[in-house]
Amino acid sequence: MQIQWFPGHMAKAKRLISENLSLVDMVIEVMDARVPLSGDNPDFDRMLGDKRRLMVFNRSDMADPAVTETWQEYFKSKGIPCLFINSKERKQAMQVATAAYNIMADKIQAQRDKGRRPQPVKAMIVGIPNVGKSTLINSLAGRAAASTGDKPGVTRGKQWIDVGNIQLLDTPGVLWPKFEIPAIGLRLAFTGAIKEDVLDIAELSIEFIKFLQSQYPNCIGDRYGIQDASQMAPLDVLEAIGIRRGCRISGGAIDYEKAAALILHDFREGRMGRLTIDRVSDVEDFARQAEELRLEQLNRGKHAKNQPD
């Protein structure tokens, strides 16, 4: 299942980020803790350069704690400052403000050494769509300071929000123009980072069922009461869920789209338990696939050059 989504407003959002980068001291990249690898926008590395960064993995309360621990160890080994939080909990959200302040501690101290009153830390919030950037800002501010929603594309322009000794610049969610590795687009679609209007929901749910059968074989049975779901054909599982949850259309036939939307919504809301899609082992696997694609494209280019006019 090949998924691509890069609407015009995202190209505009990329320009907005680049144009305003000089206004901030650092960048806070918000990601979904269930896709710590797939949700990492490669364009940010190119756009942000050597700007100081803090990675915040939101929705950790929905992620598999055992897998989260392996990701924490991975990022620690790479020397990457990161936090795994539930941004709806203000106490956890405030850890972000503390970490951001600590990252800028040398600059703050330099201002004090010169006899100046430290200026508020200016931080830009970036991330892909629907990872909870605005929810994090609202928790930090203690009020509804930024627009929120459960669909991608809620934030369309930049917003400055004062949070004590930190000023936050909220920006729209941004994907990248092409998912070279198909699994990345698929996994982002699972989490709701891609607008559903461009997706085949039934097909997407089939792929998600396959993932559950592979990584969390008891999950479907526990949630929907379907025995031996891990051994069934994915389409049969979707049908069984539709029957159990009364997803019918006129005439009594199964409404596969409704059943599919139900499954995906249950996952996105954490109703299936704590699940993580990306594994640390995927880092090497994705790197290998990327290299294979690079070599394939290189060979195609050479072949095209050798073709007679």
Protein backbone atom coordinates (compact mmCIF):
# COMPACT_ATOMS: atom_id res chain seq x y z
CA MET A 1 0.00 0.00 0.00
CA GLN A 2 1.78 3.13 -1.28
CA ILE A 3 0.80 6.32 0.59
CA GLN A 4 1.86 9.87 -0.27
CA TRP A 5 0.44 13.18 1.04
CA PHE A 6 2.06 16.57 0.73
CA PRO A 7 -0.58 19.29 0.16
CA GLY A 8 0.32 22.83 -0.81
CA HIS A 9 -0.05 24.29 2.68
CA MET A 10 2.82 22.06 3.88
CA ALA A 11 5.20 23.57 1.35
CA LYS A 12 4.15 26.97 2.69
CA ALA A 13 4.67 25.74 6.26
CA LYS A 14 8.22 24.63 5.41
CA ARG A 15 8.99 28.12 4.15
CA LEU A 16 7.48 29.60 7.32
CA ILE A 17 9.76 27.44 9.49
CA SER A 18 12.87 28.35 7.48
CA GLU A 19 12.02 32.06 7.45
CA ASN A 20 11.47 32.22 11.22
CA LEU A 21 14.32 29.99 12.36
CA SER A 22 16.59 32.97 13.01
CA LEU A 23 14.05 34.34 15.52
CA VAL A 24 14.45 31.41 17.95
CA ASP A 25 17.18 30.02 20.19
CA MET A 26 16.21 26.39 19.81
CA VAL A 27 13.70 23.95 18.34
CA ILE A 28 11.40 21.52 20.12
CA GLU A 29 10.46 18.67 17.78
CA VAL A 30 7.27 16.93 18.90
CA MET A 31 6.74 13.36 17.76
CA ASP A 32 4.39 10.45 18.44
CA ALA A 33 5.99 7.99 20.89
CA ARG A 34 4.41 5.11 18.95
CA VAL A 35 6.41 5.95 15.79
CA PRO A 36 9.76 7.38 17.01
CA LEU A 37 11.41 6.48 13.69
CA SER A 38 8.69 6.79 11.05
CA GLY A 39 7.58 10.14 12.46
CA ASP A 40 11.01 11.76 12.21
CA ASN A 41 10.76 14.21 9.30
CA PRO A 42 14.13 14.03 7.44
CA ASP A 43 13.58 17.56 6.09
CA PHE A 44 13.95 18.97 9.62
CA ASP A 45 17.61 17.88 9.77
CA ARG A 46 18.30 19.83 6.58
CA MET A 47 16.17 22.85 7.55
CA LEU A 48 17.24 23.23 11.18
CA GLY A 49 20.98 22.80 10.68
CA ASP A 50 22.93 23.18 13.93
CA LYS A 51 20.09 24.86 15.83
CA ARG A 52 19.79 23.37 19.34
CA ARG A 53 17.02 20.78 19.54
CA LEU A 54 14.95 18.85 22.03
CA MET A 55 12.94 15.82 20.88
CA VAL A 56 9.66 15.33 22.72
CA PHE A 57 7.84 12.05 22.21
CA ASN A 58 4.20 12.66 23.04
CA ARG A 59 1.52 10.05 23.85
CA SER A 60 3.97 7.90 25.77
CA ASP A 61 0.97 6.79 27.85
CA MET A 62 -0.30 5.01 24.71
CA ALA A 63 3.06 3.47 23.78
CA ASP A 64 4.39 0.06 24.80
CA PRO A 65 6.54 0.80 27.88
CA ALA A 66 9.02 -2.00 27.14
CA VAL A 67 9.61 -0.72 23.60
CA THR A 68 9.79 2.88 24.85
CA GLU A 69 12.62 1.84 27.17
CA THR A 70 14.62 0.50 24.21
CA TRP A 71 14.08 3.79 22.36
CA GLN A 72 15.19 5.80 25.39
CA GLU A 73 18.39 3.77 25.54
CA TYR A 74 18.91 4.24 21.80
CA PHE A 75 18.59 8.03 21.91
CA LYS A 76 20.77 8.20 25.00
CA SER A 77 23.48 6.23 23.17
CA LYS A 78 23.30 8.79 20.35
CA GLY A 79 23.52 11.73 22.74
CA ILE A 80 20.14 13.07 21.59
CA PRO A 81 18.22 15.06 24.26
CA CYS A 82 14.69 13.65 24.43
CA LEU A 83 11.66 13.24 26.65
CA PHE A 84 8.81 10.74 26.54
CA ILE A 85 5.66 12.36 27.94
CA ASN A 86 1.88 12.59 27.91
CA SER A 87 1.35 16.25 27.02
CA LYS A 88 -2.16 16.24 28.49
CA GLU A 89 -0.59 15.95 31.94
CA ARG A 90 0.67 19.42 32.83
CA LYS A 91 3.28 18.08 35.25
CA GLN A 92 4.82 16.05 32.45
CA ALA A 93 4.49 18.90 29.97
CA MET A 94 6.44 21.16 32.34
CA GLN A 95 9.41 18.80 31.96
CA VAL A 96 9.70 20.16 28.43
CA ALA A 97 10.06 23.74 29.69
CA THR A 98 12.71 22.65 32.21
CA ALA A 99 14.65 20.66 29.60
CA ALA A 100 14.50 23.54 27.10
CA TYR A 101 15.78 25.97 29.74
CA ASN A 102 18.60 23.58 30.62
CA ILE A 103 19.62 23.25 26.97
CA MET A 104 19.99 27.05 26.83
CA ALA A 105 21.69 27.28 30.27
CA ASP A 106 25.04 28.47 28.90
CA LYS A 107 23.43 31.34 26.97
CA ILE A 108 21.37 32.33 30.01
CA GLN A 109 24.47 32.29 32.22
CA ALA A 110 26.39 34.36 29.64
CA GLN A 111 23.69 37.03 29.87
CA ARG A 112 23.97 37.03 33.68
CA ASP A 113 27.77 37.24 33.50
CA LYS A 114 27.39 40.42 31.45
CA GLY A 115 25.08 41.87 34.10
CA ARG A 116 22.02 41.47 31.93
CA ARG A 117 18.66 40.13 32.92
CA PRO A 118 18.20 36.80 31.08
CA GLN A 119 15.80 37.04 28.17
CA PRO A 120 13.05 34.41 27.75
CA VAL A 121 14.15 31.37 25.79
CA LYS A 122 12.57 31.44 22.34
CA ALA A 123 11.71 27.98 21.04
CA MET A 124 10.04 26.89 17.83
CA ILE A 125 7.67 23.92 18.02
CA VAL A 126 7.83 21.67 14.94
CA GLY A 127 6.54 18.23 14.05
CA ILE A 128 4.47 16.23 11.62
CA PRO A 129 0.65 16.61 11.68
CA ASN A 130 -1.48 15.39 14.56
CA VAL A 131 1.23 14.64 17.12
CA GLY A 132 -0.13 16.98 19.81
CA LYS A 133 2.03 20.09 19.36
CA SER A 134 -0.83 22.44 20.26
CA THR A 135 -1.91 20.22 23.17
CA LEU A 136 1.62 20.45 24.57
CA ILE A 137 1.60 24.24 24.25
CA ASN A 138 -1.78 24.50 25.98
CA SER A 139 -0.57 22.32 28.85
CA LEU A 140 2.53 24.48 29.25
CA ALA A 141 0.50 27.68 29.10
CA GLY A 142 -2.22 26.35 31.41
CA ARG A 143 -4.86 27.62 29.01
CA ALA A 144 -6.25 27.14 25.51
CA ALA A 145 -3.53 29.18 23.83
CA ALA A 146 -3.26 27.14 20.62
CA SER A 147 -5.84 25.49 18.38
CA THR A 148 -6.15 21.71 18.81
CA GLY A 149 -7.93 18.90 17.02
CA ASP A 150 -7.83 15.15 16.41
CA LYS A 151 -7.20 15.56 12.67
CA PRO A 152 -4.10 16.72 10.79
CA GLY A 153 -3.96 20.30 9.56
CA VAL A 154 -5.55 22.17 12.49
CA THR A 155 -2.67 24.64 12.85
CA ARG A 156 -2.15 26.54 9.58
CA GLY A 157 -0.04 29.58 10.55
CA LYS A 158 2.56 30.52 13.13
CA GLN A 159 1.45 31.39 16.68
CA TRP A 160 3.61 32.93 19.46
CA ILE A 161 2.68 31.84 22.99
CA ASP A 162 4.29 33.10 26.22
CA VAL A 163 4.95 30.36 28.77
CA GLY A 164 6.71 31.93 31.74
CA ASN A 165 10.39 32.32 30.87
CA ILE A 166 9.92 30.62 27.49
CA GLN A 167 8.31 31.99 24.34
CA LEU A 168 6.99 29.29 22.03
CA LEU A 169 6.45 29.65 18.31
CA ASP A 170 3.87 27.11 17.17
CA THR A 171 4.04 26.02 13.53
CA PRO A 172 1.85 23.83 11.30
CA GLY A 173 2.49 20.10 11.02
CA VAL A 174 4.78 19.26 8.12
CA LEU A 175 5.41 15.99 6.30
CA TRP A 176 7.96 15.54 3.54
CA PRO A 177 7.25 15.33 -0.21
CA LYS A 178 7.83 11.60 -0.69
CA PHE A 179 7.97 8.55 1.57
CA GLU A 180 10.72 6.53 -0.10
CA ILE A 181 10.05 3.55 2.18
CA PRO A 182 6.38 2.48 1.89
CA ALA A 183 6.22 1.29 5.51
CA ILE A 184 6.76 4.85 6.72
CA GLY A 185 3.69 6.26 4.98
CA LEU A 186 1.68 3.28 6.19
CA ARG A 187 2.72 3.70 9.82
CA LEU A 188 2.05 7.43 9.78
CA ALA A 189 -1.40 6.72 8.38
CA PHE A 190 -2.05 4.33 11.28
CA THR A 191 -1.46 7.16 13.76
CA GLY A 192 -3.65 9.69 11.95
CA ALA A 193 -0.84 11.90 10.63
CA ILE A 194 -2.24 11.65 7.09
CA LYS A 195 -5.61 13.02 6.05
CA GLU A 196 -8.10 10.18 5.71
CA ASP A 197 -9.62 11.63 2.55
CA VAL A 198 -6.58 10.41 0.60
CA LEU A 199 -6.61 6.91 2.11
CA ASP A 200 -8.39 3.63 1.46
CA ILE A 201 -9.50 3.10 5.06
CA ALA A 202 -10.50 -0.54 4.60
CA GLU A 203 -7.15 -1.41 3.04
CA LEU A 204 -5.32 0.56 5.73
CA SER A 205 -7.13 -1.35 8.47
CA ILE A 206 -6.17 -4.65 6.84
CA GLU A 207 -2.51 -3.62 7.03
CA PHE A 208 -2.98 -2.58 10.65
CA ILE A 209 -4.57 -5.93 11.49
CA LYS A 210 -1.54 -7.65 9.95
CA PHE A 211 0.70 -5.57 12.21
CA LEU A 212 -1.31 -6.51 15.30
CA GLN A 213 -1.26 -10.20 14.37
CA SER A 214 2.52 -10.03 14.06
CA GLN A 215 3.47 -7.87 17.06
CA TYR A 216 0.50 -7.99 19.46
CA PRO A 217 -1.32 -11.27 18.66
CA ASN A 218 -3.63 -11.10 21.70
CA CYS A 219 -4.71 -7.51 21.17
CA ILE A 220 -7.66 -8.11 18.83
CA GLY A 221 -9.04 -10.90 20.98
CA ASP A 222 -8.73 -8.81 24.13
CA ARG A 223 -10.38 -5.76 22.59
CA TYR A 224 -13.09 -7.34 20.43
CA GLY A 225 -13.55 -10.80 21.92
CA ILE A 226 -12.63 -12.62 18.72
CA GLN A 227 -11.00 -15.95 19.44
CA ASP A 228 -7.95 -17.02 17.40
CA ALA A 229 -7.89 -13.64 15.63
CA SER A 230 -4.13 -13.93 15.17
CA GLN A 231 -4.67 -17.05 13.03
CA MET A 232 -7.44 -15.65 10.85
CA ALA A 233 -7.15 -13.93 7.47
CA PRO A 234 -7.06 -10.15 8.08
CA LEU A 235 -10.19 -9.58 6.01
CA ASP A 236 -12.02 -12.18 8.10
CA VAL A 237 -10.90 -10.35 11.24
CA LEU A 238 -12.25 -7.06 9.86
CA GLU A 239 -15.55 -8.77 9.04
CA ALA A 240 -15.77 -10.35 12.50
CA ILE A 241 -15.19 -6.97 14.15
CA GLY A 242 -17.88 -5.45 11.92
CA ILE A 243 -20.35 -8.12 13.01
CA ARG A 244 -19.55 -7.77 16.71
CA ARG A 245 -19.76 -3.98 16.65
CA GLY A 246 -22.88 -3.78 14.50
CA CYS A 247 -21.22 -2.16 11.49
CA ARG A 248 -23.92 -2.78 8.90
CA ILE A 249 -25.27 -1.08 5.81
CA SER A 250 -28.76 -1.21 4.34
CA GLY A 251 -29.74 -4.84 3.77
CA GLY A 252 -27.60 -6.13 6.62
CA ALA A 253 -24.27 -6.42 4.79
CA ILE A 254 -21.05 -5.60 6.64
CA ASP A 255 -19.99 -1.96 6.46
CA TYR A 256 -16.27 -2.57 6.02
CA GLU A 257 -15.36 1.11 5.99
CA LYS A 258 -17.15 1.73 9.28
CA ALA A 259 -15.49 -1.30 10.86
CA ALA A 260 -12.10 -0.16 9.52
CA ALA A 261 -12.56 3.36 10.88
CA LEU A 262 -13.54 1.87 14.25
CA ILE A 263 -10.34 -0.17 14.49
CA LEU A 264 -8.08 2.74 13.57
CA HIS A 265 -9.92 5.13 15.90
CA ASP A 266 -9.57 2.65 18.78
CA PHE A 267 -5.81 2.51 18.20
CA ARG A 268 -5.40 6.27 17.91
CA GLU A 269 -7.33 6.81 21.13
CA GLY A 270 -5.33 4.17 23.02
CA ARG A 271 -8.29 1.84 23.49
CA MET A 272 -6.34 -1.21 22.35
CA GLY A 273 -3.81 -0.89 25.12
CA ARG A 274 -0.27 0.40 24.92
CA LEU A 275 1.16 -0.31 21.48
CA THR A 276 4.26 0.87 19.64
CA ILE A 277 4.68 0.45 15.89
CA ASP A 278 8.38 1.27 15.40
CA ARG A 279 11.16 -0.84 16.86
CA VAL A 280 14.82 0.10 17.30
CA SER A 281 15.67 -2.76 14.92
CA ASP A 282 13.81 -0.81 12.22
CA VAL A 283 16.61 1.77 12.18
CA GLU A 284 18.99 -0.62 10.42
CA ASP A 285 16.21 -2.12 8.31
CA PHE A 286 15.06 1.29 7.02
CA ALA A 287 18.67 2.33 6.37
CA ARG A 288 19.19 -0.84 4.34
CA GLN A 289 16.02 -0.23 2.33
CA ALA A 290 17.02 3.40 1.70
CA GLU A 291 20.43 2.28 0.43
CA GLU A 292 18.84 -0.33 -1.84
CA LEU A 293 16.54 2.33 -3.28
CA ARG A 294 19.47 4.69 -3.80
CA LEU A 295 21.43 2.04 -5.70
CA GLU A 296 18.34 1.10 -7.72
CA GLN A 297 17.82 4.74 -8.75
CA LEU A 298 21.52 5.05 -9.59
CA ASN A 299 21.36 1.97 -11.82
CA ARG A 300 18.24 3.29 -13.53
CA GLY A 301 20.03 6.54 -14.27
CA LYS A 302 23.01 4.70 -15.74
CA HIS A 303 20.71 2.50 -17.83
CA ALA A 304 18.82 5.51 -19.15
CA LYS A 305 22.10 7.21 -20.13
CA ASN A 306 23.18 4.16 -22.11
CA GLN A 307 19.96 3.97 -24.08
CA PRO A 308 20.26 5.08 -27.73
CA ASP A 309 18.37 8.25 -28.73
